[in-house]
Each structure stands twice: as C-alpha cells, then as structure tokens.
Amino acid sequence: MKGLGLTGAGIGASALAPRFNDLDELASSDPDRSQPWWVKEVDKPVVDIDYQLMERYDQRNGAFQDGLAKYFGNGDAAKGLEVLNAQNALYNEVSDKYFKQNKPGYALRDKAITTARGAMGTTYSFLGPQKAATPESRGVPKWQGSPEENYRMLRNAAKIWGATHFNVVELDTATTQKLVWSYDHDGRKIEFEDIPVPALSATKKSIPNSVRYVVVFYVPGSVRTNTRVAEPLGDLARCYEHFFNMQSQLMEFTRGLGYQSVGQTSNQSLTTKTGFAVLGGSHEQSRMLSAIAPIAGPSPRPGMIFTDMPLTPTKPIDAGIFRFCATCMKCARACPTQSLSLEKEPTYETLGVFNNIGAKRFQVNGATCRANGNGSDVNICRLGNWNTCMRACTFSKLEEALIHKFVHVTLSNTSIFNGFFTTMDEFFGYNTELSPDEWWKRDMLPFDQDITQGQWVRYDAK
C-alpha cells in the first residue's frame, strides 16, 4: 500500500474496506454474493442509459448482417457486398498462403484443432431440444419455489456445468425489454405475445409475455490463450461451443421443472448479452465491445436464455472499470483497424446503423472491426481470433501477484491512480505473446486456466 502511495493520499486500508453503519446493515449483507467485497452493488449501471431515446434494434442492420454491406457501400448494400467479397478473397488468399508455408499458428495441427472445436454434439435453437420429461408427463405438479430459491437453483446448475458468472435481469416494456432485438439476425421478427408457449415460424419468433426473465451466464475463456496467441489457434479461447451446450442444458432443466424458455440461434441472436451482463451486475461496460468482469476481465464468453421461471434479479455493479476505461485506452491503441474510440468521454452519438442508440458509451465501429479487410490490407484480427483488444486489456491478467488485488481495490474507490496502473501494465510486459510452438509444448490445466486465479473463486462478503 505504501509503495502505491495510497496511505499518503489518505486512502488507507480502512477507507478501502467495506463499510457497515450498524449490526442490522451487516446482518442484511448478502452472505452468498459471488463478487469480491470491494465490488459495490448499485441501483443503476455506471454507464448512462436513456430508455426514452432507445429503441428495439433491428439486428438485420448489425455488423454481421446487412449493416456491414451498407457501411462499405455507403448505404448501397449491393455495392458494399462487392467490397466485402473482395475482402473475403484477400483474406482467403493470405490465410491459404500461411497454411501452405506451414507458418506457426496456421499449420495443419492449428487448423485441425480449431476445426475440431465444432464437433460438440449439442445443437442450439430458439425453442431448445425439448427432450426433457415435463412434470406433466411425470404425473406431478411443476416445481414451485420462491424467486430467490429459483435463482440459486438455476445459478448452481449453471455453475456445475461450468459457468463462471450468472446474473438475472427482469424484462420491463419501458426499459430493459428495449434491449431485445425487434428483428433477429435471420430476418425473423421478434414479438412478445399473449400465448401459452413460445412459437417459431418462417417469419417470426414469438415469446410469451409471461417470459420475463433474462438469464446471462458466462463460460470460461482462456486468459493465457486469449492474450498470448494471435493466430487462429487463439480462437480456442472464445469457447462459444460451451455456452451453446449450456444454453441447451438450462433450457432442458427449466422444461423439466415445468417452465418455458427460449434461446439463441447464433452468438448475435435475440439481444445484446453485454447489455444484460452490465444490467445484471456480473460485468461493467468497457471501451471494447466486450464487457469486463472485476476478476476474470473480458475473457469469459456469454450465453443466455429467456424464461418464465420467477427469479430474483441481480443488481448492477461499480468496480471502477468503466471509469478506468476512460483513461486507459490500451485496447483502442492496439486495435489494428482503429475501430475503437480514442475519445476521453463516452457519448450517445452512434457511428452507423450497426450501433444501437440509447447508451452513453465509447462507440465501436462494428463494420471495420468485423470486416475481413480494409482496402488492400487484410484484417489481422480476422486471421486470428478478433481479440487484439482483449489481449491488450489491462484486465486480461491472472491474479498472479498480491499487488493485483490492491489495484482492483484501489480503482474501485478512486480513479487518481488509473494512469499509473496502465503504465505499470505495459512496463511489466503482460501482453507478450506466447508463440504457437510454445503453446503446443505446455502442459495445460483444464480450459488452459488456473481456477484458483479468480475466475471460479468464491468471494464471500466480509
């Protein structure tokens, strides 16, 4: 603490410890919270949201869909598609050249393992597998528990299947429901209706009005693989196949208890998981597209379901992360396509049809981020795992030294040391990449991460 100058600044251990005004307040503190004691629960997220300005977003305009072509065609999707086709050809040419050169990270074994990750058997869908026996088929009543009991039950199911984070947001037509797309990526309209069960047609995804709870869970992403390997091998760190498995498991679990649920049909389906992770308090908004968790950083990957099972909502958090992002900018400086904002203040102003309105944040140019190339240059993020920004992030570190805990505690209480912490992160060389050959030689832990280093550690309130 003295080495950081905290005591001299009048920010000693007593100022950083949790404060309880009386025994009643201490007794009412949550004994089951999964965040460190220095992470504060708040009523509103630290990022400002104007729900009157916000509208349900048409995901057909997203950076994975027509929005990408419209951007590169200056509004003309057909012309933009020609640009994208040229970029794709360039990407394929460079990727094939590296493969034939047996370049580390692009060689046969690297290609083979990234292909094999898609071999997991569970498929994901809007309606789910629908194979689990229902209480009705078993001749018993549906499960009846309090919202708090249901929350803990569903959380523990997700955790036993490998979730690192779990939070719940209740849908409200005037506020949080505006984060649900109006049209999905596949062109289907998403509507909430007075129907008993979800329905899917060629043109529409229908969600019962009784389905009021959004469950967001995160699966572990490898911190080391994500931050050390820039080639396609690093794509393993994204772990998307695991959250689609977990989505199916949670949907079958709720079905087996007598409740309805709907799920995603792609990583970009139904809604913004980042937004609900921020509203539900497992993460904070960041300068990147990804949200950041207080301990695990941006590495874990999110999944979600909507359900009619009554659940206790979780609250947003304030760990000083969004304020830190305002001064850090490491991710923006590292971005090879200059898609991340270098502005010092967040804004409501969007950059294109691929951005939704209503959140005061650091806007991201999703089109240049997602494109395979820019003019005659291939997007090196696309050759790798899209995670250049995450590799650069100050929070993409394992807690391998005691000083890291003091950093977390300090920035959750004050921003005056933020610039110093960014400089130290660069000085100690945390973002030095591990070569692909070294990656293959290492003896790894499960998921290539030490589960004692923060992602899966249980933190009780003090």
Protein backbone atom coordinates (compact mmCIF):
# COMPACT_ATOMS: atom_id res chain seq x y z
CA MET A 1 0.00 0.00 0.00
CA LYS A 2 2.81 2.42 0.87
CA GLY A 3 4.52 1.53 -2.40
CA LEU A 4 1.46 2.73 -4.27
CA GLY A 5 1.31 5.89 -2.22
CA LEU A 6 -2.20 5.04 -1.05
CA THR A 7 -1.64 5.75 2.60
CA GLY A 8 -0.07 9.08 1.82
CA ALA A 9 -3.06 10.01 -0.30
CA GLY A 10 -5.34 9.33 2.64
CA ILE A 11 -6.62 6.09 1.11
CA GLY A 12 -5.59 3.50 3.62
CA ALA A 13 -6.95 0.02 4.21
CA SER A 14 -9.80 1.32 6.36
CA ALA A 15 -11.02 3.53 3.52
CA LEU A 16 -10.97 0.61 1.09
CA ALA A 17 -12.71 -1.86 3.39
CA PRO A 18 -16.48 -2.41 3.15
CA ARG A 19 -18.48 -0.07 5.39
CA PHE A 20 -21.39 -1.13 7.61
CA ASN A 21 -23.13 1.52 9.69
CA ASP A 22 -24.73 -0.83 12.19
CA LEU A 23 -25.30 -4.51 13.01
CA ASP A 24 -28.58 -4.61 11.10
CA GLU A 25 -26.81 -3.47 7.94
CA LEU A 26 -24.10 -6.04 8.49
CA ALA A 27 -26.66 -8.79 9.09
CA SER A 28 -28.57 -7.90 5.93
CA SER A 29 -25.46 -8.02 3.72
CA ASP A 30 -25.66 -10.85 1.20
CA PRO A 31 -23.75 -13.86 2.58
CA ASP A 32 -24.00 -15.58 -0.79
CA ARG A 33 -22.70 -12.93 -3.15
CA SER A 34 -20.24 -14.07 -5.78
CA GLN A 35 -18.35 -10.80 -6.17
CA PRO A 36 -15.32 -9.64 -4.16
CA TRP A 37 -16.12 -7.41 -1.19
CA TRP A 38 -14.74 -4.32 -2.90
CA VAL A 39 -17.26 -4.52 -5.77
CA LYS A 40 -20.23 -2.32 -4.95
CA GLU A 41 -23.79 -3.19 -5.94
CA VAL A 42 -25.66 -0.17 -7.30
CA ASP A 43 -29.22 0.56 -8.39
CA LYS A 44 -28.21 1.83 -11.84
CA PRO A 45 -25.26 0.78 -14.02
CA VAL A 46 -22.36 3.22 -14.23
CA VAL A 47 -23.00 3.64 -17.97
CA ASP A 48 -25.86 6.09 -18.57
CA ILE A 49 -28.87 4.68 -20.42
CA ASP A 50 -31.62 6.84 -21.94
CA TYR A 51 -34.53 4.45 -22.37
CA GLN A 52 -36.67 7.17 -23.94
CA LEU A 53 -34.05 7.51 -26.67
CA MET A 54 -33.50 3.78 -27.02
CA GLU A 55 -35.48 1.68 -29.50
CA ARG A 56 -35.54 -2.05 -30.05
CA TYR A 57 -32.75 -2.66 -32.52
CA ASP A 58 -33.18 -4.28 -35.92
CA GLN A 59 -30.36 -6.83 -35.92
CA ARG A 60 -30.63 -7.19 -39.70
CA ASN A 61 -28.58 -3.98 -39.70
CA GLY A 62 -25.93 -5.47 -37.45
CA ALA A 63 -22.26 -5.71 -38.37
CA PHE A 64 -22.73 -9.41 -39.12
CA GLN A 65 -25.62 -8.77 -41.48
CA ASP A 66 -26.68 -6.08 -43.97
CA GLY A 67 -25.22 -3.31 -41.80
CA LEU A 68 -21.74 -4.45 -42.81
CA ALA A 69 -22.52 -4.26 -46.55
CA LYS A 70 -24.37 -0.96 -46.18
CA TYR A 71 -21.38 0.58 -44.44
CA PHE A 72 -18.88 -0.38 -47.11
CA GLY A 73 -21.32 0.53 -49.86
CA ASN A 74 -22.14 3.94 -48.36
CA GLY A 75 -25.75 2.85 -47.92
CA ASP A 76 -25.89 0.63 -51.02
CA ALA A 77 -25.81 -2.96 -49.77
CA ALA A 78 -25.18 -4.38 -53.26
CA LYS A 79 -22.07 -2.25 -53.78
CA GLY A 80 -20.93 -2.99 -50.26
CA LEU A 81 -21.25 -6.70 -50.91
CA GLU A 82 -18.80 -6.35 -53.80
CA VAL A 83 -16.30 -4.73 -51.42
CA LEU A 84 -16.83 -7.48 -48.86
CA ASN A 85 -16.36 -10.20 -51.47
CA ALA A 86 -13.02 -8.64 -52.44
CA GLN A 87 -12.01 -8.52 -48.78
CA ASN A 88 -13.01 -12.15 -48.31
CA ALA A 89 -10.94 -13.18 -51.33
CA LEU A 90 -7.93 -11.35 -49.88
CA TYR A 91 -8.45 -13.00 -46.51
CA ASN A 92 -8.68 -16.47 -48.06
CA GLU A 93 -5.56 -15.80 -50.14
CA VAL A 94 -3.45 -14.74 -47.15
CA SER A 95 -4.79 -17.49 -44.90
CA ASP A 96 -4.12 -20.14 -47.55
CA LYS A 97 -0.60 -18.78 -48.13
CA TYR A 98 0.25 -19.00 -44.42
CA PHE A 99 -1.16 -22.54 -44.27
CA LYS A 100 0.93 -23.72 -47.23
CA GLN A 101 4.00 -22.09 -45.72
CA ASN A 102 3.37 -24.11 -42.54
CA LYS A 103 3.57 -20.86 -40.60
CA PRO A 104 3.29 -21.44 -36.83
CA GLY A 105 -0.26 -20.77 -35.76
CA TYR A 106 -1.61 -21.52 -39.24
CA ALA A 107 -0.15 -25.02 -39.72
CA LEU A 108 -2.10 -28.26 -40.06
CA ARG A 109 -2.39 -29.01 -36.34
CA ASP A 110 -3.57 -25.44 -35.68
CA LYS A 111 -6.22 -25.72 -38.39
CA ALA A 112 -7.24 -29.19 -37.22
CA ILE A 113 -7.85 -28.22 -33.59
CA THR A 114 -9.81 -25.09 -34.47
CA THR A 115 -12.00 -27.18 -36.80
CA ALA A 116 -12.48 -29.88 -34.16
CA ARG A 117 -13.92 -27.41 -31.66
CA GLY A 118 -17.16 -27.50 -33.67
CA ALA A 119 -17.63 -31.23 -33.13
CA MET A 120 -19.60 -30.94 -29.89
CA GLY A 121 -22.92 -32.68 -30.41
CA THR A 122 -25.49 -30.34 -28.88
CA THR A 123 -27.28 -28.03 -31.28
CA TYR A 124 -28.77 -24.74 -30.18
CA SER A 125 -32.13 -23.34 -31.15
CA PHE A 126 -34.80 -20.83 -30.23
CA LEU A 127 -37.11 -23.49 -28.77
CA GLY A 128 -34.38 -25.76 -27.36
CA PRO A 129 -34.04 -29.57 -27.62
CA GLN A 130 -37.45 -30.19 -25.93
CA LYS A 131 -36.46 -33.72 -24.97
CA ALA A 132 -36.64 -33.47 -21.18
CA ALA A 133 -39.64 -35.05 -19.48
CA THR A 134 -42.02 -32.40 -18.15
CA PRO A 135 -43.68 -32.57 -14.72
CA GLU A 136 -46.99 -33.15 -16.52
CA SER A 137 -45.59 -36.22 -18.29
CA ARG A 138 -44.26 -37.46 -14.96
CA GLY A 139 -47.68 -37.00 -13.32
CA VAL A 140 -46.51 -34.42 -10.77
CA PRO A 141 -47.05 -30.65 -10.33
CA LYS A 142 -44.50 -28.18 -11.68
CA TRP A 143 -41.70 -27.01 -9.40
CA GLN A 144 -42.80 -24.22 -7.08
CA GLY A 145 -40.10 -22.17 -5.40
CA SER A 146 -39.60 -18.58 -4.36
CA PRO A 147 -37.78 -16.29 -6.83
CA GLU A 148 -34.70 -16.42 -4.59
CA GLU A 149 -34.80 -20.22 -4.37
CA ASN A 150 -35.22 -20.45 -8.12
CA TYR A 151 -32.34 -18.08 -8.70
CA ARG A 152 -29.95 -20.11 -6.55
CA MET A 153 -31.14 -23.36 -8.08
CA LEU A 154 -30.62 -22.19 -11.68
CA ARG A 155 -27.34 -20.49 -10.78
CA ASN A 156 -25.94 -23.66 -9.22
CA ALA A 157 -27.00 -25.71 -12.24
CA ALA A 158 -25.13 -23.29 -14.49
CA LYS A 159 -22.10 -23.31 -12.19
CA ILE A 160 -21.91 -27.13 -12.05
CA TRP A 161 -21.93 -27.12 -15.86
CA GLY A 162 -19.03 -24.68 -15.90
CA ALA A 163 -20.41 -21.14 -15.73
CA THR A 164 -18.07 -18.52 -14.29
CA HIS A 165 -20.75 -15.83 -13.90
CA PHE A 166 -24.53 -15.85 -13.63
CA ASN A 167 -26.97 -12.96 -13.44
CA VAL A 168 -30.65 -12.21 -13.98
CA VAL A 169 -32.47 -9.18 -15.40
CA GLU A 170 -36.25 -8.77 -15.38
CA LEU A 171 -37.82 -7.50 -18.60
CA ASP A 172 -39.80 -4.27 -18.46
CA THR A 173 -41.53 -2.99 -21.59
CA ALA A 174 -40.49 0.62 -20.87
CA THR A 175 -36.84 -0.13 -20.13
CA THR A 176 -34.96 -3.44 -20.30
CA GLN A 177 -37.15 -5.05 -22.96
CA LYS A 178 -35.85 -2.41 -25.37
CA LEU A 179 -32.56 -4.30 -25.40
CA VAL A 180 -34.30 -7.21 -27.18
CA TRP A 181 -33.99 -7.02 -30.97
CA SER A 182 -37.07 -6.11 -32.99
CA TYR A 183 -35.83 -8.33 -35.83
CA ASP A 184 -33.29 -11.11 -35.38
CA HIS A 185 -30.20 -11.77 -37.47
CA ASP A 186 -32.11 -14.37 -39.54
CA GLY A 187 -34.76 -11.83 -40.59
CA ARG A 188 -37.47 -13.11 -38.27
CA LYS A 189 -39.49 -10.57 -36.30
CA ILE A 190 -39.30 -10.97 -32.51
CA GLU A 191 -42.62 -10.34 -30.79
CA PHE A 192 -43.90 -10.69 -27.24
CA GLU A 193 -47.44 -12.07 -27.33
CA ASP A 194 -50.22 -13.39 -25.12
CA ILE A 195 -49.54 -17.02 -25.95
CA PRO A 196 -49.00 -20.00 -23.63
CA VAL A 197 -45.77 -21.31 -25.18
CA PRO A 198 -43.04 -19.93 -27.47
CA ALA A 199 -43.55 -20.36 -31.20
CA LEU A 200 -41.31 -20.25 -34.25
CA SER A 201 -42.36 -19.67 -37.85
CA ALA A 202 -40.58 -18.79 -41.07
CA THR A 203 -41.09 -15.08 -40.38
CA LYS A 204 -41.43 -14.69 -36.62
CA LYS A 205 -40.10 -15.69 -33.21
CA SER A 206 -42.96 -15.41 -30.70
CA ILE A 207 -42.19 -15.08 -27.00
CA PRO A 208 -44.95 -15.39 -24.36
CA ASN A 209 -45.48 -12.22 -22.32
CA SER A 210 -45.01 -14.44 -19.26
CA VAL A 211 -41.35 -14.93 -20.21
CA ARG A 212 -39.99 -12.02 -18.20
CA TYR A 213 -36.51 -13.05 -17.04
CA VAL A 214 -33.24 -12.89 -18.94
CA VAL A 215 -30.54 -15.21 -17.62
CA VAL A 216 -26.98 -14.38 -18.69
CA PHE A 217 -24.20 -16.83 -17.93
CA TYR A 218 -20.53 -16.83 -18.86
CA VAL A 219 -18.32 -19.78 -19.71
CA PRO A 220 -14.56 -19.69 -19.09
CA GLY A 221 -12.38 -18.29 -21.82
CA SER A 222 -8.67 -19.00 -21.55
CA VAL A 223 -6.84 -15.91 -20.32
CA ARG A 224 -3.46 -17.25 -21.41
CA THR A 225 -4.54 -18.47 -24.84
CA ASN A 226 -6.54 -15.31 -25.46
CA THR A 227 -3.74 -12.95 -24.53
CA ARG A 228 -0.73 -14.86 -25.84
CA VAL A 229 -1.69 -16.34 -29.20
CA ALA A 230 -2.59 -14.08 -32.13
CA GLU A 231 -3.14 -16.79 -34.75
CA PRO A 232 -6.28 -18.90 -35.40
CA LEU A 233 -5.15 -21.07 -32.50
CA GLY A 234 -6.26 -18.24 -30.24
CA ASP A 235 -9.82 -18.75 -31.42
CA LEU A 236 -9.98 -21.64 -28.96
CA ALA A 237 -10.07 -19.06 -26.18
CA ARG A 238 -13.54 -17.94 -27.23
CA CYS A 239 -15.23 -21.18 -26.08
CA TYR A 240 -18.51 -20.39 -27.84
CA GLU A 241 -19.36 -24.08 -28.25
CA HIS A 242 -19.51 -24.44 -24.46
CA PHE A 243 -22.13 -21.77 -23.89
CA PHE A 244 -24.36 -23.20 -26.60
CA ASN A 245 -24.18 -26.55 -24.80
CA MET A 246 -25.02 -24.81 -21.54
CA GLN A 247 -27.91 -22.97 -23.18
CA SER A 248 -29.45 -26.31 -24.16
CA GLN A 249 -28.82 -27.74 -20.69
CA LEU A 250 -30.50 -24.80 -18.93
CA MET A 251 -33.45 -24.88 -21.33
CA GLU A 252 -33.94 -28.59 -20.69
CA PHE A 253 -33.61 -28.04 -16.93
CA THR A 254 -36.31 -25.36 -16.89
CA ARG A 255 -38.52 -27.56 -19.10
CA GLY A 256 -38.07 -30.46 -16.66
CA LEU A 257 -39.27 -28.17 -13.86
CA GLY A 258 -42.38 -27.10 -15.77
CA TYR A 259 -41.31 -23.72 -17.19
CA GLN A 260 -40.84 -22.18 -20.63
CA SER A 261 -37.64 -20.79 -22.11
CA VAL A 262 -36.21 -19.55 -25.40
CA GLY A 263 -32.61 -19.39 -26.54
CA GLN A 264 -30.25 -18.00 -29.10
CA THR A 265 -29.77 -19.35 -32.62
CA SER A 266 -26.39 -17.64 -33.03
CA ASN A 267 -23.96 -15.65 -30.95
CA GLN A 268 -25.69 -12.43 -32.05
CA SER A 269 -29.29 -13.63 -31.65
CA LEU A 270 -32.18 -12.14 -29.65
CA THR A 271 -30.39 -9.38 -27.78
CA THR A 272 -27.17 -7.81 -26.56
CA LYS A 273 -25.68 -10.08 -23.92
CA THR A 274 -23.18 -7.39 -22.99
CA GLY A 275 -26.03 -5.04 -22.12
CA PHE A 276 -27.76 -7.59 -19.90
CA ALA A 277 -24.46 -8.60 -18.28
CA VAL A 278 -23.98 -4.94 -17.33
CA LEU A 279 -27.57 -4.56 -16.09
CA GLY A 280 -27.34 -7.83 -14.16
CA GLY A 281 -24.08 -6.98 -12.45
CA SER A 282 -21.64 -9.67 -13.46
CA HIS A 283 -19.74 -7.18 -15.65
CA GLU A 284 -19.23 -3.50 -16.38
CA GLN A 285 -19.35 -1.72 -19.70
CA SER A 286 -15.95 -1.20 -21.33
CA ARG A 287 -14.36 0.67 -24.23
CA MET A 288 -14.43 -2.57 -26.27
CA LEU A 289 -17.46 -4.49 -27.50
CA SER A 290 -17.00 -6.92 -24.63
CA ALA A 291 -17.99 -6.24 -21.06
CA ILE A 292 -15.39 -6.69 -18.31
CA ALA A 293 -15.77 -8.69 -15.10
CA PRO A 294 -13.98 -7.47 -11.95
CA ILE A 295 -11.73 -10.54 -11.67
CA ALA A 296 -11.95 -12.54 -14.90
CA GLY A 297 -11.77 -9.48 -17.16
CA PRO A 298 -13.11 -9.75 -20.74
CA SER A 299 -12.04 -13.36 -21.37
CA PRO A 300 -15.15 -15.42 -20.43
CA ARG A 301 -17.83 -15.68 -23.12
CA PRO A 302 -21.56 -15.04 -22.57
CA GLY A 303 -24.63 -17.11 -23.27
CA MET A 304 -28.26 -16.55 -22.30
CA ILE A 305 -31.83 -17.80 -22.14
CA PHE A 306 -35.19 -16.11 -21.52
CA THR A 307 -37.54 -17.91 -19.10
CA ASP A 308 -40.87 -17.56 -17.29
CA MET A 309 -39.45 -19.10 -14.11
CA PRO A 310 -39.72 -16.39 -11.41
CA LEU A 311 -36.18 -15.31 -10.50
CA THR A 312 -34.71 -12.68 -8.20
CA PRO A 313 -32.97 -10.08 -10.40
CA THR A 314 -29.35 -9.23 -9.67
CA LYS A 315 -28.10 -5.65 -9.42
CA PRO A 316 -25.53 -3.72 -11.47
CA ILE A 317 -22.07 -3.20 -10.03
CA ASP A 318 -19.50 -0.46 -9.70
CA ALA A 319 -15.92 -1.74 -9.60
CA GLY A 320 -14.38 1.33 -11.22
CA ILE A 321 -13.88 -0.47 -14.54
CA PHE A 322 -15.80 1.88 -16.86
CA ARG A 323 -14.09 4.89 -15.29
CA PHE A 324 -10.73 3.17 -15.77
CA CYS A 325 -11.52 2.59 -19.46
CA ALA A 326 -11.97 6.34 -19.91
CA THR A 327 -8.27 6.93 -19.23
CA CYS A 328 -6.61 3.64 -20.20
CA MET A 329 -7.27 3.34 -23.97
CA LYS A 330 -4.84 0.42 -24.41
CA CYS A 331 -7.39 -1.57 -26.39
CA ALA A 332 -8.08 1.35 -28.74
CA ARG A 333 -4.40 1.98 -29.36
CA ALA A 334 -3.85 -1.72 -30.10
CA CYS A 335 -6.81 -2.08 -32.49
CA PRO A 336 -5.37 -2.75 -35.98
CA THR A 337 -8.44 -1.32 -37.74
CA GLN A 338 -8.84 1.73 -35.48
CA SER A 339 -12.39 0.61 -34.75
CA LEU A 340 -12.31 1.58 -31.07
CA SER A 341 -12.84 5.11 -29.84
CA LEU A 342 -9.93 7.18 -28.51
CA GLU A 343 -12.28 9.76 -27.06
CA LYS A 344 -11.90 10.59 -23.37
CA GLU A 345 -15.63 10.78 -22.74
CA PRO A 346 -18.44 8.39 -23.72
CA THR A 347 -21.21 9.62 -25.99
CA TYR A 348 -24.74 8.84 -27.14
CA GLU A 349 -23.75 9.57 -30.76
CA THR A 350 -23.50 6.40 -32.83
CA LEU A 351 -21.17 5.67 -35.76
CA GLY A 352 -23.56 3.85 -38.08
CA VAL A 353 -26.60 1.61 -38.41
CA PHE A 354 -24.64 -1.17 -36.70
CA ASN A 355 -24.81 0.77 -33.38
CA ASN A 356 -27.97 0.93 -31.29
CA ILE A 357 -28.92 4.24 -29.71
CA GLY A 358 -29.64 4.96 -26.07
CA ALA A 359 -26.45 4.07 -24.20
CA LYS A 360 -23.78 6.66 -23.41
CA ARG A 361 -20.66 4.65 -24.13
CA PHE A 362 -17.47 4.54 -26.14
CA GLN A 363 -18.87 3.72 -29.56
CA VAL A 364 -17.32 0.93 -31.64
CA ASN A 365 -17.20 0.79 -35.43
CA GLY A 366 -18.53 -2.73 -35.75
CA ALA A 367 -18.18 -2.71 -39.53
CA THR A 368 -14.41 -2.14 -39.71
CA CYS A 369 -13.95 -4.43 -36.70
CA ARG A 370 -15.78 -7.34 -38.32
CA ALA A 371 -14.63 -6.93 -41.92
CA ASN A 372 -12.07 -9.34 -43.36
CA GLY A 373 -10.04 -6.49 -44.76
CA ASN A 374 -9.71 -2.78 -45.25
CA GLY A 375 -8.83 -1.83 -48.80
CA SER A 376 -5.77 -3.83 -49.80
CA ASP A 377 -4.90 -4.82 -46.22
CA VAL A 378 -6.19 -7.95 -44.55
CA ASN A 379 -7.66 -7.53 -41.07
CA ILE A 380 -5.17 -9.35 -38.83
CA CYS A 381 -7.87 -9.77 -36.22
CA ARG A 382 -9.82 -11.89 -38.67
CA LEU A 383 -6.76 -14.03 -39.34
CA GLY A 384 -6.62 -14.61 -35.61
CA ASN A 385 -9.35 -14.54 -33.00
CA TRP A 386 -10.75 -10.97 -33.15
CA ASN A 387 -9.24 -10.45 -29.73
CA THR A 388 -6.41 -7.98 -30.23
CA CYS A 389 -8.27 -5.56 -27.98
CA MET A 390 -8.78 -8.18 -25.28
CA ARG A 391 -5.13 -9.18 -25.36
CA ALA A 392 -4.19 -5.55 -24.75
CA CYS A 393 -6.77 -5.02 -21.98
CA THR A 394 -5.30 -4.22 -18.58
CA PHE A 395 -7.89 -6.54 -17.02
CA SER A 396 -6.79 -9.55 -19.11
CA LYS A 397 -4.46 -10.75 -16.38
CA LEU A 398 -4.49 -13.55 -13.89
CA GLU A 399 -4.08 -12.51 -10.27
CA GLU A 400 -0.60 -13.94 -10.04
CA ALA A 401 0.71 -11.31 -7.62
CA LEU A 402 -0.71 -9.76 -4.46
CA ILE A 403 -0.36 -6.28 -5.94
CA HIS A 404 -3.10 -7.06 -8.46
CA LYS A 405 -5.65 -7.30 -5.65
CA PHE A 406 -4.61 -3.88 -4.36
CA VAL A 407 -5.01 -2.49 -7.88
CA HIS A 408 -8.58 -3.82 -8.08
CA VAL A 409 -9.49 -2.47 -4.68
CA THR A 410 -7.94 0.93 -5.41
CA LEU A 411 -9.55 1.58 -8.78
CA SER A 412 -12.95 0.58 -7.38
CA ASN A 413 -12.66 3.53 -4.97
CA THR A 414 -10.67 6.19 -6.83
CA SER A 415 -9.51 6.94 -10.38
CA ILE A 416 -6.47 9.06 -9.48
CA PHE A 417 -4.07 6.12 -9.99
CA ASN A 418 -5.60 4.85 -13.25
CA GLY A 419 -2.87 6.25 -15.49
CA PHE A 420 -0.17 4.80 -13.25
CA PHE A 421 -1.76 1.33 -13.35
CA THR A 422 -1.96 1.43 -17.16
CA THR A 423 1.72 2.36 -17.38
CA MET A 424 2.71 -0.43 -15.00
CA ASP A 425 0.70 -2.95 -17.01
CA GLU A 426 2.73 -2.06 -20.09
CA PHE A 427 6.02 -1.90 -18.16
CA PHE A 428 5.73 -5.45 -16.82
CA GLY A 429 5.07 -6.83 -20.31
CA TYR A 430 1.87 -8.76 -19.59
CA ASN A 431 0.86 -8.72 -23.25
CA THR A 432 3.94 -10.51 -24.61
CA GLU A 433 2.60 -13.20 -26.89
CA LEU A 434 3.34 -16.86 -26.36
CA SER A 435 4.48 -18.46 -29.61
CA PRO A 436 2.25 -21.20 -31.10
CA ASP A 437 5.04 -23.75 -30.73
CA GLU A 438 5.34 -22.91 -27.03
CA TRP A 439 1.57 -23.23 -26.69
CA TRP A 440 1.66 -26.79 -28.02
CA LYS A 441 4.52 -27.80 -25.70
CA ARG A 442 2.94 -26.61 -22.45
CA ASP A 443 1.21 -28.96 -20.01
CA MET A 444 -2.10 -27.16 -19.55
CA LEU A 445 -4.70 -27.04 -16.83
CA PRO A 446 -8.37 -27.61 -17.74
CA PHE A 447 -9.59 -24.86 -20.08
CA ASP A 448 -5.99 -23.58 -20.01
CA GLN A 449 -6.56 -21.64 -16.81
CA ASP A 450 -5.79 -21.90 -13.14
CA ILE A 451 -9.17 -22.00 -11.42
CA THR A 452 -7.59 -20.56 -8.27
CA GLN A 453 -6.72 -17.38 -10.14
CA GLY A 454 -10.00 -15.57 -9.85
CA GLN A 455 -12.49 -16.83 -12.42
CA TRP A 456 -14.00 -19.59 -10.35
CA VAL A 457 -13.02 -18.49 -6.85
CA ARG A 458 -15.91 -17.88 -4.44
CA TYR A 459 -15.74 -14.48 -2.72
CA ASP A 460 -17.87 -14.09 0.40
CA ALA A 461 -18.82 -10.70 1.76
CA LYS A 462 -16.60 -9.69 4.63
